[in-house]
Amino acid sequence: MPTKRNKILLISDQYDLAKTWVPSLGQLQAQVSTIPSNVLPESHDFSQYGLIIIDIYATTCDPVPLCRAIRSQYHGLLLILTYERDERYHLLLYDIGVDESIIKPLGVPLFLAKVSAWLNRAEHHVEVHKQLTTSNFYLEPNHKRLVTTNGEVLRLSTLECRLLSLLMMNQGFVLDTDLIIARVWSNYDMSDKDLLKNLIYRLRRKIEPDPASPQYIHTVNGHGYMFRED
């Protein structure tokens, strides 16, 4: 019996090309549904999927509105495959809640490794569902959004939400980098600190008035990171 965990929705602007991924995804015992990006119904039930993959081929196709529309309804894992290499483009995708922006071309083994890793993290990681409140923020983990005291709603990716939940729950305490990586990424190589640095960078861009001079997410050199409202 298929479960939500192994149900994948594949959306693409080149439907026939994207379908070539389906046999490969079958190696992961995944049940894959494919939909062309230009006929995606507004009433589609995204909640039934453990993972949504958006596969973009044409340079004229802008996936940003599609990602925004899906993220407004769907709180699970969202990956995008694109040939675009501009860093600003990828930062925008992360800002609107994409969990990983993957640059093409890439081979089948790497593609399957990424999908398998995300599915495993989702399965083994215990999500934080408790709503968290500080002087300046109200975090709703179930909806992956952060609300400021002036009413601004900030959309978070899965990893951004996990990281911020962890930091806010331990407000005022320094968390070691290895501990953060273990809690946010679950089964991941502890030696790769750049992943955490990049995630901190993206989160600061969203919540800090001046990311270069953080008021909330502080770096404690040689130790890790701490959430504190200055």
C-alpha atoms as a PDB file:
ATOM      1  CA  MET A   1       0.000   0.000   0.000  1.00  0.00           C
ATOM      2  CA  PRO A   2       1.519   3.375  -1.016  1.00  0.00           C
ATOM      3  CA  THR A   3       2.147   5.799   1.817  1.00  0.00           C
ATOM      4  CA  LYS A   4       2.503   9.567   1.754  1.00  0.00           C
ATOM      5  CA  ARG A   5       6.216   9.137   2.365  1.00  0.00           C
ATOM      6  CA  ASN A   6       6.821   7.398  -0.987  1.00  0.00           C
ATOM      7  CA  LYS A   7       4.325   9.368  -3.084  1.00  0.00           C
ATOM      8  CA  ILE A   8       6.058  11.898  -5.343  1.00  0.00           C
ATOM      9  CA  LEU A   9       4.506  14.536  -7.594  1.00  0.00           C
ATOM     10  CA  LEU A  10       6.634  15.498 -10.599  1.00  0.00           C
ATOM     11  CA  ILE A  11       5.669  18.768 -12.330  1.00  0.00           C
ATOM     12  CA  SER A  12       7.420  19.926 -15.502  1.00  0.00           C
ATOM     13  CA  ASP A  13       7.239  22.362 -18.409  1.00  0.00           C
ATOM     14  CA  GLN A  14       8.458  19.500 -20.657  1.00  0.00           C
ATOM     15  CA  TYR A  15       6.118  16.678 -19.706  1.00  0.00           C
ATOM     16  CA  ASP A  16       7.594  13.958 -21.964  1.00  0.00           C
ATOM     17  CA  LEU A  17      11.174  14.701 -20.937  1.00  0.00           C
ATOM     18  CA  ALA A  18      10.330  14.771 -17.227  1.00  0.00           C
ATOM     19  CA  LYS A  19       8.661  11.356 -17.470  1.00  0.00           C
ATOM     20  CA  THR A  20      12.091   9.832 -18.129  1.00  0.00           C
ATOM     21  CA  TRP A  21      12.772  10.280 -14.392  1.00  0.00           C
ATOM     22  CA  VAL A  22       9.857   8.036 -13.460  1.00  0.00           C
ATOM     23  CA  PRO A  23      11.502   4.608 -14.023  1.00  0.00           C
ATOM     24  CA  SER A  24      14.523   5.763 -12.008  1.00  0.00           C
ATOM     25  CA  LEU A  25      12.356   6.958  -9.129  1.00  0.00           C
ATOM     26  CA  GLY A  26      10.729   3.529  -9.173  1.00  0.00           C
ATOM     27  CA  GLN A  27      14.038   2.171  -7.867  1.00  0.00           C
ATOM     28  CA  LEU A  28      13.241   4.015  -4.621  1.00  0.00           C
ATOM     29  CA  GLN A  29       9.881   2.200  -4.387  1.00  0.00           C
ATOM     30  CA  ALA A  30       8.214   5.543  -5.069  1.00  0.00           C
ATOM     31  CA  GLN A  31       4.790   6.017  -6.604  1.00  0.00           C
ATOM     32  CA  VAL A  32       5.182   8.925  -9.023  1.00  0.00           C
ATOM     33  CA  SER A  33       2.456  11.142 -10.472  1.00  0.00           C
ATOM     34  CA  THR A  34       3.367  13.525 -13.311  1.00  0.00           C
ATOM     35  CA  ILE A  35       1.588  16.747 -14.268  1.00  0.00           C
ATOM     36  CA  PRO A  36       2.468  19.365 -16.934  1.00  0.00           C
ATOM     37  CA  SER A  37       3.139  22.715 -15.303  1.00  0.00           C
ATOM     38  CA  ASN A  38       0.739  24.572 -17.609  1.00  0.00           C
ATOM     39  CA  VAL A  39      -2.324  22.475 -16.694  1.00  0.00           C
ATOM     40  CA  LEU A  40      -1.859  22.170 -12.942  1.00  0.00           C
ATOM     41  CA  PRO A  41      -5.327  22.445 -11.413  1.00  0.00           C
ATOM     42  CA  GLU A  42      -5.719  24.997  -8.628  1.00  0.00           C
ATOM     43  CA  SER A  43      -7.731  22.503  -6.607  1.00  0.00           C
ATOM     44  CA  HIS A  44      -5.067  19.770  -6.718  1.00  0.00           C
ATOM     45  CA  ASP A  45      -4.549  18.006  -3.375  1.00  0.00           C
ATOM     46  CA  PHE A  46      -0.819  18.481  -2.767  1.00  0.00           C
ATOM     47  CA  SER A  47      -1.036  17.216   0.824  1.00  0.00           C
ATOM     48  CA  GLN A  48      -1.093  13.588  -0.319  1.00  0.00           C
ATOM     49  CA  TYR A  49       2.558  13.751  -1.460  1.00  0.00           C
ATOM     50  CA  GLY A  50       5.698  13.328   0.611  1.00  0.00           C
ATOM     51  CA  LEU A  51       7.764  15.177  -2.004  1.00  0.00           C
ATOM     52  CA  ILE A  52       7.075  17.517  -4.934  1.00  0.00           C
ATOM     53  CA  ILE A  53       9.682  17.955  -7.680  1.00  0.00           C
ATOM     54  CA  ILE A  54       9.460  20.778 -10.228  1.00  0.00           C
ATOM     55  CA  ASP A  55      11.562  20.013 -13.315  1.00  0.00           C
ATOM     56  CA  ILE A  56      12.229  23.047 -15.546  1.00  0.00           C
ATOM     57  CA  TYR A  57      13.779  22.819 -19.023  1.00  0.00           C
ATOM     58  CA  ALA A  58      12.926  25.967 -21.013  1.00  0.00           C
ATOM     59  CA  THR A  59      14.741  29.191 -20.118  1.00  0.00           C
ATOM     60  CA  THR A  60      11.522  31.064 -20.929  1.00  0.00           C
ATOM     61  CA  CYS A  61       9.606  29.255 -18.178  1.00  0.00           C
ATOM     62  CA  ASP A  62       9.499  31.157 -14.886  1.00  0.00           C
ATOM     63  CA  PRO A  63       8.819  28.664 -12.059  1.00  0.00           C
ATOM     64  CA  VAL A  64       8.626  31.306  -9.320  1.00  0.00           C
ATOM     65  CA  PRO A  65       4.827  31.836  -9.489  1.00  0.00           C
ATOM     66  CA  LEU A  66       4.329  28.059  -9.544  1.00  0.00           C
ATOM     67  CA  CYS A  67       6.584  27.571  -6.509  1.00  0.00           C
ATOM     68  CA  ARG A  68       4.762  30.332  -4.634  1.00  0.00           C
ATOM     69  CA  ALA A  69       1.360  28.827  -5.449  1.00  0.00           C
ATOM     70  CA  ILE A  70       2.407  25.346  -4.325  1.00  0.00           C
ATOM     71  CA  ARG A  71       4.112  26.529  -1.162  1.00  0.00           C
ATOM     72  CA  SER A  72       1.018  28.501  -0.160  1.00  0.00           C
ATOM     73  CA  GLN A  73      -0.897  25.196   0.004  1.00  0.00           C
ATOM     74  CA  TYR A  74       1.777  22.569   0.626  1.00  0.00           C
ATOM     75  CA  HIS A  75       4.005  22.243   3.689  1.00  0.00           C
ATOM     76  CA  GLY A  76       6.060  19.208   2.650  1.00  0.00           C
ATOM     77  CA  LEU A  77       9.335  18.887   0.740  1.00  0.00           C
ATOM     78  CA  LEU A  78       9.676  20.941  -2.453  1.00  0.00           C
ATOM     79  CA  LEU A  79      12.641  20.496  -4.825  1.00  0.00           C
ATOM     80  CA  ILE A  80      13.307  22.211  -8.156  1.00  0.00           C
ATOM     81  CA  LEU A  81      15.556  21.175 -11.059  1.00  0.00           C
ATOM     82  CA  THR A  82      16.727  24.009 -13.298  1.00  0.00           C
ATOM     83  CA  TYR A  83      19.482  24.949 -15.741  1.00  0.00           C
ATOM     84  CA  GLU A  84      19.652  28.474 -14.279  1.00  0.00           C
ATOM     85  CA  ARG A  85      22.988  29.213 -12.576  1.00  0.00           C
ATOM     86  CA  ASP A  86      22.451  32.778 -11.365  1.00  0.00           C
ATOM     87  CA  GLU A  87      22.875  32.791  -7.573  1.00  0.00           C
ATOM     88  CA  ARG A  88      20.227  35.506  -7.166  1.00  0.00           C
ATOM     89  CA  TYR A  89      17.688  33.259  -8.858  1.00  0.00           C
ATOM     90  CA  HIS A  90      18.408  30.389  -6.461  1.00  0.00           C
ATOM     91  CA  LEU A  91      18.262  32.688  -3.433  1.00  0.00           C
ATOM     92  CA  LEU A  92      14.821  33.843  -4.578  1.00  0.00           C
ATOM     93  CA  LEU A  93      13.637  30.229  -4.803  1.00  0.00           C
ATOM     94  CA  TYR A  94      14.905  29.533  -1.290  1.00  0.00           C
ATOM     95  CA  ASP A  95      13.229  32.727  -0.073  1.00  0.00           C
ATOM     96  CA  ILE A  96       9.819  31.530  -1.276  1.00  0.00           C
ATOM     97  CA  GLY A  97      10.203  28.165   0.433  1.00  0.00           C
ATOM     98  CA  VAL A  98      11.958  25.760  -1.953  1.00  0.00           C
ATOM     99  CA  ASP A  99      13.921  23.196   0.082  1.00  0.00           C
ATOM    100  CA  GLU A 100      16.616  22.552  -2.527  1.00  0.00           C
ATOM    101  CA  SER A 101      17.347  24.192  -5.870  1.00  0.00           C
ATOM    102  CA  ILE A 102      19.302  21.692  -7.993  1.00  0.00           C
ATOM    103  CA  ILE A 103      21.320  22.793 -11.021  1.00  0.00           C
ATOM    104  CA  LYS A 104      21.086  20.633 -14.144  1.00  0.00           C
ATOM    105  CA  PRO A 105      22.419  18.713 -15.905  1.00  0.00           C
ATOM    106  CA  LEU A 106      22.848  15.943 -13.380  1.00  0.00           C
ATOM    107  CA  GLY A 107      23.067  12.190 -13.752  1.00  0.00           C
ATOM    108  CA  VAL A 108      20.517   9.673 -12.569  1.00  0.00           C
ATOM    109  CA  PRO A 109      22.662   8.393  -9.634  1.00  0.00           C
ATOM    110  CA  LEU A 110      23.043  11.902  -8.160  1.00  0.00           C
ATOM    111  CA  PHE A 111      19.370  12.688  -8.757  1.00  0.00           C
ATOM    112  CA  LEU A 112      18.269   9.511  -6.967  1.00  0.00           C
ATOM    113  CA  ALA A 113      20.744  10.136  -4.128  1.00  0.00           C
ATOM    114  CA  LYS A 114      19.293  13.602  -3.525  1.00  0.00           C
ATOM    115  CA  VAL A 115      15.690  12.403  -3.619  1.00  0.00           C
ATOM    116  CA  SER A 116      16.472   9.439  -1.356  1.00  0.00           C
ATOM    117  CA  ALA A 117      18.291  11.679   1.130  1.00  0.00           C
ATOM    118  CA  TRP A 118      15.360  14.092   1.358  1.00  0.00           C
ATOM    119  CA  LEU A 119      12.836  11.293   1.795  1.00  0.00           C
ATOM    120  CA  ASN A 120      14.980   9.720   4.523  1.00  0.00           C
ATOM    121  CA  ARG A 121      15.359  13.020   6.356  1.00  0.00           C
ATOM    122  CA  ALA A 122      11.615  13.538   6.259  1.00  0.00           C
ATOM    123  CA  GLU A 123      11.042  10.028   7.607  1.00  0.00           C
ATOM    124  CA  HIS A 124      13.573  10.090  10.438  1.00  0.00           C
ATOM    125  CA  HIS A 125      13.332  13.700  11.535  1.00  0.00           C
ATOM    126  CA  VAL A 126      10.822  14.533  14.256  1.00  0.00           C
ATOM    127  CA  GLU A 127       9.160  17.782  13.215  1.00  0.00           C
ATOM    128  CA  VAL A 128       8.570  20.534  15.739  1.00  0.00           C
ATOM    129  CA  HIS A 129       4.852  21.384  15.815  1.00  0.00           C
ATOM    130  CA  LYS A 130       4.820  23.635  18.859  1.00  0.00           C
ATOM    131  CA  GLN A 131       4.150  27.284  18.090  1.00  0.00           C
ATOM    132  CA  LEU A 132       6.927  29.515  19.398  1.00  0.00           C
ATOM    133  CA  THR A 133       6.645  33.140  20.482  1.00  0.00           C
ATOM    134  CA  THR A 134       9.344  35.694  21.272  1.00  0.00           C
ATOM    135  CA  SER A 135       9.245  39.469  21.691  1.00  0.00           C
ATOM    136  CA  ASN A 136       9.487  40.050  17.946  1.00  0.00           C
ATOM    137  CA  PHE A 137       8.291  36.848  16.274  1.00  0.00           C
ATOM    138  CA  TYR A 138       5.593  34.195  16.236  1.00  0.00           C
ATOM    139  CA  LEU A 139       6.687  30.949  14.564  1.00  0.00           C
ATOM    140  CA  GLU A 140       4.128  28.506  13.151  1.00  0.00           C
ATOM    141  CA  PRO A 141       6.131  25.355  12.289  1.00  0.00           C
ATOM    142  CA  ASN A 142       3.130  23.478  10.872  1.00  0.00           C
ATOM    143  CA  HIS A 143       2.688  26.180   8.235  1.00  0.00           C
ATOM    144  CA  LYS A 144       6.397  27.010   7.902  1.00  0.00           C
ATOM    145  CA  ARG A 145       5.873  30.698   8.436  1.00  0.00           C
ATOM    146  CA  LEU A 146       7.162  33.377  10.755  1.00  0.00           C
ATOM    147  CA  VAL A 147       4.976  36.330  11.718  1.00  0.00           C
ATOM    148  CA  THR A 148       6.566  39.552  12.953  1.00  0.00           C
ATOM    149  CA  THR A 149       5.036  41.891  15.537  1.00  0.00           C
ATOM    150  CA  ASN A 150       4.027  44.295  12.741  1.00  0.00           C
ATOM    151  CA  GLY A 151       2.078  41.534  10.981  1.00  0.00           C
ATOM    152  CA  GLU A 152       4.552  40.700   8.224  1.00  0.00           C
ATOM    153  CA  VAL A 153       4.403  37.000   7.236  1.00  0.00           C
ATOM    154  CA  LEU A 154       7.701  35.399   6.219  1.00  0.00           C
ATOM    155  CA  ARG A 155       7.603  32.057   4.405  1.00  0.00           C
ATOM    156  CA  LEU A 156      10.245  29.533   5.441  1.00  0.00           C
ATOM    157  CA  SER A 157      11.658  26.463   3.757  1.00  0.00           C
ATOM    158  CA  THR A 158      11.645  23.141   5.622  1.00  0.00           C
ATOM    159  CA  LEU A 159      15.276  23.523   6.685  1.00  0.00           C
ATOM    160  CA  GLU A 160      14.880  27.189   7.636  1.00  0.00           C
ATOM    161  CA  CYS A 161      11.902  26.301   9.807  1.00  0.00           C
ATOM    162  CA  ARG A 162      13.743  23.436  11.521  1.00  0.00           C
ATOM    163  CA  LEU A 163      16.758  25.628  12.216  1.00  0.00           C
ATOM    164  CA  LEU A 164      14.762  28.577  13.520  1.00  0.00           C
ATOM    165  CA  SER A 165      12.592  26.298  15.690  1.00  0.00           C
ATOM    166  CA  LEU A 166      15.713  24.794  17.243  1.00  0.00           C
ATOM    167  CA  LEU A 167      17.315  28.187  17.894  1.00  0.00           C
ATOM    168  CA  MET A 168      14.150  29.773  19.292  1.00  0.00           C
ATOM    169  CA  MET A 169      13.498  26.835  21.632  1.00  0.00           C
ATOM    170  CA  ASN A 170      17.001  27.354  23.026  1.00  0.00           C
ATOM    171  CA  GLN A 171      16.919  31.157  23.133  1.00  0.00           C
ATOM    172  CA  GLY A 172      19.936  32.590  24.940  1.00  0.00           C
ATOM    173  CA  PHE A 173      21.960  29.366  24.720  1.00  0.00           C
ATOM    174  CA  VAL A 174      24.833  28.692  22.326  1.00  0.00           C
ATOM    175  CA  LEU A 175      24.217  25.584  20.197  1.00  0.00           C
ATOM    176  CA  ASP A 176      27.204  23.681  18.828  1.00  0.00           C
ATOM    177  CA  THR A 177      27.397  23.461  15.028  1.00  0.00           C
ATOM    178  CA  ASP A 178      27.517  19.645  15.019  1.00  0.00           C
ATOM    179  CA  LEU A 179      24.440  19.484  17.227  1.00  0.00           C
ATOM    180  CA  ILE A 180      22.545  21.850  14.917  1.00  0.00           C
ATOM    181  CA  ILE A 181      23.499  19.836  11.825  1.00  0.00           C
ATOM    182  CA  ALA A 182      22.418  16.594  13.485  1.00  0.00           C
ATOM    183  CA  ARG A 183      19.044  18.040  14.491  1.00  0.00           C
ATOM    184  CA  VAL A 184      18.298  19.909  11.251  1.00  0.00           C
ATOM    185  CA  TRP A 185      19.622  17.487   8.650  1.00  0.00           C
ATOM    186  CA  SER A 186      19.352  14.208  10.594  1.00  0.00           C
ATOM    187  CA  ASN A 187      21.612  11.697   8.802  1.00  0.00           C
ATOM    188  CA  TYR A 188      24.246  13.957   7.286  1.00  0.00           C
ATOM    189  CA  ASP A 189      28.011  14.359   7.171  1.00  0.00           C
ATOM    190  CA  MET A 190      28.976  16.379  10.238  1.00  0.00           C
ATOM    191  CA  SER A 191      32.134  17.622   8.497  1.00  0.00           C
ATOM    192  CA  ASP A 192      30.226  19.771   6.019  1.00  0.00           C
ATOM    193  CA  LYS A 193      29.768  23.041   7.927  1.00  0.00           C
ATOM    194  CA  ASP A 194      29.159  25.025   4.724  1.00  0.00           C
ATOM    195  CA  LEU A 195      25.595  23.701   4.561  1.00  0.00           C
ATOM    196  CA  LEU A 196      24.841  25.275   7.918  1.00  0.00           C
ATOM    197  CA  LYS A 197      26.598  28.537   7.029  1.00  0.00           C
ATOM    198  CA  ASN A 198      24.531  28.833   3.850  1.00  0.00           C
ATOM    199  CA  LEU A 199      21.320  28.099   5.736  1.00  0.00           C
ATOM    200  CA  ILE A 200      22.149  30.698   8.404  1.00  0.00           C
ATOM    201  CA  TYR A 201      22.869  33.185   5.611  1.00  0.00           C
ATOM    202  CA  ARG A 202      19.496  32.579   3.940  1.00  0.00           C
ATOM    203  CA  LEU A 203      17.594  32.759   7.241  1.00  0.00           C
ATOM    204  CA  ARG A 204      19.295  36.010   8.223  1.00  0.00           C
ATOM    205  CA  ARG A 205      18.324  37.529   4.868  1.00  0.00           C
ATOM    206  CA  LYS A 206      14.695  36.861   5.756  1.00  0.00           C
ATOM    207  CA  ILE A 207      14.457  37.912   9.395  1.00  0.00           C
ATOM    208  CA  GLU A 208      17.286  40.342  10.115  1.00  0.00           C
ATOM    209  CA  PRO A 209      16.842  44.107   9.468  1.00  0.00           C
ATOM    210  CA  ASP A 210      20.546  44.135   8.582  1.00  0.00           C
ATOM    211  CA  PRO A 211      21.886  40.619   7.853  1.00  0.00           C
ATOM    212  CA  ALA A 212      25.465  41.896   8.063  1.00  0.00           C
ATOM    213  CA  SER A 213      24.844  42.991  11.665  1.00  0.00           C
ATOM    214  CA  PRO A 214      22.480  40.360  13.107  1.00  0.00           C
ATOM    215  CA  GLN A 215      20.120  41.243  15.939  1.00  0.00           C
ATOM    216  CA  TYR A 216      18.639  37.760  16.385  1.00  0.00           C
ATOM    217  CA  ILE A 217      20.847  34.953  15.032  1.00  0.00           C
ATOM    218  CA  HIS A 218      24.308  35.413  16.514  1.00  0.00           C
ATOM    219  CA  THR A 219      27.528  33.653  15.588  1.00  0.00           C
ATOM    220  CA  VAL A 220      29.627  32.616  18.582  1.00  0.00           C
ATOM    221  CA  ASN A 221      33.074  32.091  17.085  1.00  0.00           C
ATOM    222  CA  GLY A 222      34.533  28.674  17.737  1.00  0.00           C
ATOM    223  CA  HIS A 223      31.304  27.359  19.237  1.00  0.00           C
ATOM    224  CA  GLY A 224      28.166  27.736  17.140  1.00  0.00           C
ATOM    225  CA  TYR A 225      25.064  29.903  16.959  1.00  0.00           C
ATOM    226  CA  MET A 226      22.572  31.456  19.358  1.00  0.00           C
ATOM    227  CA  PHE A 227      19.152  33.096  19.043  1.00  0.00           C
ATOM    228  CA  ARG A 228      18.907  36.223  21.190  1.00  0.00           C
ATOM    229  CA  GLU A 229      16.838  39.353  20.701  1.00  0.00           C
ATOM    230  CA  ASP A 230      19.135  42.337  21.200  1.00  0.00           C
END
